[in-house]
Amino acid sequence: VLKNAPPPLHTVVVFVLAMALCLWTLPSLSSIDEHATIETFTTSIFKDGPFSLPPVALGIIRLLFAFICIVTTKEKIRNGSDIKIVRLPGSKLRGGYVKMYGWRTQGFYTSWAWNLLGLSFFLGGMIPMLVVYGREDILYNNPW
């Protein structure tokens, strides 16, 4: 019985090509600075019509989404969850449930992605709010 083996060659080739493509298309810091301006964060993509939003509305909507992410994360940490372990036929793994609670619930990739999404909405919402309240000097003095 085979206990371990290297990954299939076609999988390695696809992975290497995908990573090379991703690294090749990474933007430089100068191109990020060129495109990620205050105007980009404070201007609605809809120039005309009912969805043309002022900067304060953009900030409020983004901060609302960030608040939803924070509340969801807080509830997930507080209440925890039961993870069902599915036992496949012939597996030595025992089936059952594992209770995940507290900070352990934040160890999964989806939790990290969710929290980064919330952080992104928070920062994206703060930029237009700082501009609306005349504090864009904070953005110029502390660009990172």
C-alpha atoms as a PDB file:
ATOM      1  CA  VAL A   1       0.000   0.000   0.000  1.00  0.00           C
ATOM      2  CA  LEU A   2       1.376   3.368  -1.011  1.00  0.00           C
ATOM      3  CA  LYS A   3       1.686   5.614   2.073  1.00  0.00           C
ATOM      4  CA  ASN A   4       2.898   8.799   0.376  1.00  0.00           C
ATOM      5  CA  ALA A   5       3.908   9.973  -3.059  1.00  0.00           C
ATOM      6  CA  PRO A   6       4.997  13.145  -4.792  1.00  0.00           C
ATOM      7  CA  PRO A   7       2.251  15.195  -6.438  1.00  0.00           C
ATOM      8  CA  PRO A   8       1.429  14.408 -10.062  1.00  0.00           C
ATOM      9  CA  LEU A   9       3.668  16.145 -12.582  1.00  0.00           C
ATOM     10  CA  HIS A  10       0.800  17.899 -14.353  1.00  0.00           C
ATOM     11  CA  THR A  11      -0.308  19.410 -11.016  1.00  0.00           C
ATOM     12  CA  VAL A  12       3.182  20.722 -10.321  1.00  0.00           C
ATOM     13  CA  VAL A  13       3.424  22.220 -13.826  1.00  0.00           C
ATOM     14  CA  VAL A  14       0.043  23.970 -13.533  1.00  0.00           C
ATOM     15  CA  PHE A  15       0.931  25.259 -10.054  1.00  0.00           C
ATOM     16  CA  VAL A  16       4.321  26.616 -11.167  1.00  0.00           C
ATOM     17  CA  LEU A  17       2.784  28.292 -14.227  1.00  0.00           C
ATOM     18  CA  ALA A  18      -0.019  29.847 -12.164  1.00  0.00           C
ATOM     19  CA  MET A  19       2.419  31.166  -9.548  1.00  0.00           C
ATOM     20  CA  ALA A  20       4.736  32.536 -12.250  1.00  0.00           C
ATOM     21  CA  LEU A  21       1.784  34.319 -13.866  1.00  0.00           C
ATOM     22  CA  CYS A  22       0.671  35.731 -10.512  1.00  0.00           C
ATOM     23  CA  LEU A  23       4.162  36.990  -9.678  1.00  0.00           C
ATOM     24  CA  TRP A  24       4.566  38.479 -13.157  1.00  0.00           C
ATOM     25  CA  THR A  25       1.298  40.422 -12.875  1.00  0.00           C
ATOM     26  CA  LEU A  26       1.926  41.781  -9.371  1.00  0.00           C
ATOM     27  CA  PRO A  27       1.760  45.574  -9.416  1.00  0.00           C
ATOM     28  CA  SER A  28       4.718  47.646  -8.325  1.00  0.00           C
ATOM     29  CA  LEU A  29       4.431  50.042  -5.405  1.00  0.00           C
ATOM     30  CA  SER A  30       4.736  52.989  -7.772  1.00  0.00           C
ATOM     31  CA  SER A  31       1.799  51.770  -9.872  1.00  0.00           C
ATOM     32  CA  ILE A  32      -0.275  51.231  -6.718  1.00  0.00           C
ATOM     33  CA  ASP A  33       0.524  54.786  -5.599  1.00  0.00           C
ATOM     34  CA  GLU A  34      -0.425  56.036  -9.054  1.00  0.00           C
ATOM     35  CA  HIS A  35      -3.885  54.438  -9.003  1.00  0.00           C
ATOM     36  CA  ALA A  36      -4.787  54.344  -5.295  1.00  0.00           C
ATOM     37  CA  THR A  37      -5.407  58.045  -4.859  1.00  0.00           C
ATOM     38  CA  ILE A  38      -7.780  59.829  -2.522  1.00  0.00           C
ATOM     39  CA  GLU A  39     -10.006  60.592  -5.510  1.00  0.00           C
ATOM     40  CA  THR A  40     -10.266  56.859  -6.254  1.00  0.00           C
ATOM     41  CA  PHE A  41     -11.607  56.143  -2.770  1.00  0.00           C
ATOM     42  CA  THR A  42     -13.954  59.124  -2.621  1.00  0.00           C
ATOM     43  CA  THR A  43     -15.552  58.904  -6.065  1.00  0.00           C
ATOM     44  CA  SER A  44     -18.445  56.616  -6.950  1.00  0.00           C
ATOM     45  CA  ILE A  45     -17.940  54.402  -9.995  1.00  0.00           C
ATOM     46  CA  PHE A  46     -21.409  55.477 -11.133  1.00  0.00           C
ATOM     47  CA  LYS A  47     -20.982  59.026 -12.436  1.00  0.00           C
ATOM     48  CA  ASP A  48     -24.659  59.632 -13.263  1.00  0.00           C
ATOM     49  CA  GLY A  49     -27.988  58.297 -12.124  1.00  0.00           C
ATOM     50  CA  PRO A  50     -29.450  57.204  -8.809  1.00  0.00           C
ATOM     51  CA  PHE A  51     -26.316  55.332  -7.704  1.00  0.00           C
ATOM     52  CA  SER A  52     -23.995  58.319  -7.997  1.00  0.00           C
ATOM     53  CA  LEU A  53     -23.114  58.613  -4.312  1.00  0.00           C
ATOM     54  CA  PRO A  54     -21.338  61.443  -2.503  1.00  0.00           C
ATOM     55  CA  PRO A  55     -18.191  60.620  -0.504  1.00  0.00           C
ATOM     56  CA  VAL A  56     -20.043  60.632   2.830  1.00  0.00           C
ATOM     57  CA  ALA A  57     -22.472  57.964   1.551  1.00  0.00           C
ATOM     58  CA  LEU A  58     -19.589  55.842   0.261  1.00  0.00           C
ATOM     59  CA  GLY A  59     -17.892  56.077   3.646  1.00  0.00           C
ATOM     60  CA  ILE A  60     -21.039  55.190   5.569  1.00  0.00           C
ATOM     61  CA  ILE A  61     -21.831  52.183   3.359  1.00  0.00           C
ATOM     62  CA  ARG A  62     -18.289  50.824   3.611  1.00  0.00           C
ATOM     63  CA  LEU A  63     -18.181  51.364   7.371  1.00  0.00           C
ATOM     64  CA  LEU A  64     -21.550  49.604   7.664  1.00  0.00           C
ATOM     65  CA  PHE A  65     -20.141  46.570   5.859  1.00  0.00           C
ATOM     66  CA  ALA A  66     -17.069  46.668   8.120  1.00  0.00           C
ATOM     67  CA  PHE A  67     -19.367  46.768  11.163  1.00  0.00           C
ATOM     68  CA  ILE A  68     -21.246  43.701   9.862  1.00  0.00           C
ATOM     69  CA  CYS A  69     -17.930  41.854   9.490  1.00  0.00           C
ATOM     70  CA  ILE A  70     -16.862  42.820  13.015  1.00  0.00           C
ATOM     71  CA  VAL A  71     -20.184  41.760  14.572  1.00  0.00           C
ATOM     72  CA  THR A  72     -20.137  38.449  12.698  1.00  0.00           C
ATOM     73  CA  THR A  73     -16.572  37.740  13.845  1.00  0.00           C
ATOM     74  CA  LYS A  74     -17.416  38.677  17.428  1.00  0.00           C
ATOM     75  CA  GLU A  75     -20.415  36.351  17.455  1.00  0.00           C
ATOM     76  CA  LYS A  76     -18.393  33.532  15.905  1.00  0.00           C
ATOM     77  CA  ILE A  77     -15.746  33.923  18.637  1.00  0.00           C
ATOM     78  CA  ARG A  78     -18.351  34.180  21.400  1.00  0.00           C
ATOM     79  CA  ASN A  79     -20.653  31.349  20.327  1.00  0.00           C
ATOM     80  CA  GLY A  80     -18.194  29.044  18.617  1.00  0.00           C
ATOM     81  CA  SER A  81     -19.304  26.288  16.298  1.00  0.00           C
ATOM     82  CA  ASP A  82     -19.412  22.535  15.971  1.00  0.00           C
ATOM     83  CA  ILE A  83     -17.251  21.201  13.140  1.00  0.00           C
ATOM     84  CA  LYS A  84     -18.465  17.845  11.829  1.00  0.00           C
ATOM     85  CA  ILE A  85     -15.666  15.450  10.928  1.00  0.00           C
ATOM     86  CA  VAL A  86     -16.833  13.255   8.092  1.00  0.00           C
ATOM     87  CA  ARG A  87     -15.280   9.816   8.153  1.00  0.00           C
ATOM     88  CA  LEU A  88     -14.656   8.359   4.736  1.00  0.00           C
ATOM     89  CA  PRO A  89     -14.987   4.590   4.295  1.00  0.00           C
ATOM     90  CA  GLY A  90     -11.681   2.878   5.045  1.00  0.00           C
ATOM     91  CA  SER A  91     -10.261   5.899   6.878  1.00  0.00           C
ATOM     92  CA  LYS A  92      -8.601   5.546  10.270  1.00  0.00           C
ATOM     93  CA  LEU A  93      -9.944   8.952  11.222  1.00  0.00           C
ATOM     94  CA  ARG A  94     -12.722   8.866  13.778  1.00  0.00           C
ATOM     95  CA  GLY A  95     -15.876  10.724  12.888  1.00  0.00           C
ATOM     96  CA  GLY A  96     -17.652  13.073  15.226  1.00  0.00           C
ATOM     97  CA  TYR A  97     -17.866  16.719  16.177  1.00  0.00           C
ATOM     98  CA  VAL A  98     -15.200  19.137  17.344  1.00  0.00           C
ATOM     99  CA  LYS A  99     -16.319  22.175  19.322  1.00  0.00           C
ATOM    100  CA  MET A 100     -14.445  25.264  18.149  1.00  0.00           C
ATOM    101  CA  TYR A 101     -14.792  28.313  20.380  1.00  0.00           C
ATOM    102  CA  GLY A 102     -12.935  31.487  21.235  1.00  0.00           C
ATOM    103  CA  TRP A 103      -9.950  32.524  19.178  1.00  0.00           C
ATOM    104  CA  ARG A 104      -9.668  29.005  17.734  1.00  0.00           C
ATOM    105  CA  THR A 105     -12.538  29.854  15.405  1.00  0.00           C
ATOM    106  CA  GLN A 106     -10.277  32.397  13.699  1.00  0.00           C
ATOM    107  CA  GLY A 107      -7.683  29.875  12.549  1.00  0.00           C
ATOM    108  CA  PHE A 108      -9.413  28.923   9.313  1.00  0.00           C
ATOM    109  CA  TYR A 109      -8.667  30.493   5.939  1.00  0.00           C
ATOM    110  CA  THR A 110     -12.250  31.700   5.560  1.00  0.00           C
ATOM    111  CA  SER A 111     -12.022  33.522   8.894  1.00  0.00           C
ATOM    112  CA  TRP A 112      -8.812  35.244   7.853  1.00  0.00           C
ATOM    113  CA  ALA A 113     -10.351  36.224   4.516  1.00  0.00           C
ATOM    114  CA  TRP A 114     -13.510  37.498   6.230  1.00  0.00           C
ATOM    115  CA  ASN A 115     -11.516  39.567   8.720  1.00  0.00           C
ATOM    116  CA  LEU A 116      -9.335  41.031   5.953  1.00  0.00           C
ATOM    117  CA  LEU A 117     -12.499  41.912   4.037  1.00  0.00           C
ATOM    118  CA  GLY A 118     -13.789  43.734   7.118  1.00  0.00           C
ATOM    119  CA  LEU A 119     -10.470  45.557   7.512  1.00  0.00           C
ATOM    120  CA  SER A 120     -10.553  46.531   3.846  1.00  0.00           C
ATOM    121  CA  PHE A 121     -14.083  47.926   4.175  1.00  0.00           C
ATOM    122  CA  PHE A 122     -13.085  49.801   7.342  1.00  0.00           C
ATOM    123  CA  LEU A 123     -10.049  51.442   5.740  1.00  0.00           C
ATOM    124  CA  GLY A 124     -11.964  52.087   2.509  1.00  0.00           C
ATOM    125  CA  GLY A 125     -14.726  53.736   4.541  1.00  0.00           C
ATOM    126  CA  MET A 126     -12.420  55.854   6.670  1.00  0.00           C
ATOM    127  CA  ILE A 127     -10.735  57.521   3.686  1.00  0.00           C
ATOM    128  CA  PRO A 128     -13.872  59.293   2.384  1.00  0.00           C
ATOM    129  CA  MET A 129     -14.930  60.154   5.939  1.00  0.00           C
ATOM    130  CA  LEU A 130     -11.555  61.801   6.617  1.00  0.00           C
ATOM    131  CA  VAL A 131     -11.909  63.782   3.389  1.00  0.00           C
ATOM    132  CA  VAL A 132     -15.489  64.839   4.221  1.00  0.00           C
ATOM    133  CA  TYR A 133     -14.404  66.112   7.637  1.00  0.00           C
ATOM    134  CA  GLY A 134     -11.372  67.944   6.216  1.00  0.00           C
ATOM    135  CA  ARG A 135      -8.730  65.635   7.657  1.00  0.00           C
ATOM    136  CA  GLU A 136      -7.086  64.398   4.440  1.00  0.00           C
ATOM    137  CA  ASP A 137      -3.815  65.724   5.884  1.00  0.00           C
ATOM    138  CA  ILE A 138      -3.704  62.456   7.865  1.00  0.00           C
ATOM    139  CA  LEU A 139      -3.672  60.551   4.577  1.00  0.00           C
ATOM    140  CA  TYR A 140      -0.934  62.730   3.071  1.00  0.00           C
ATOM    141  CA  ASN A 141       1.266  62.625   6.187  1.00  0.00           C
ATOM    142  CA  ASN A 142       0.831  58.880   6.764  1.00  0.00           C
ATOM    143  CA  PRO A 143       0.408  57.247   3.352  1.00  0.00           C
ATOM    144  CA  TRP A 144       0.937  53.728   4.697  1.00  0.00           C
END
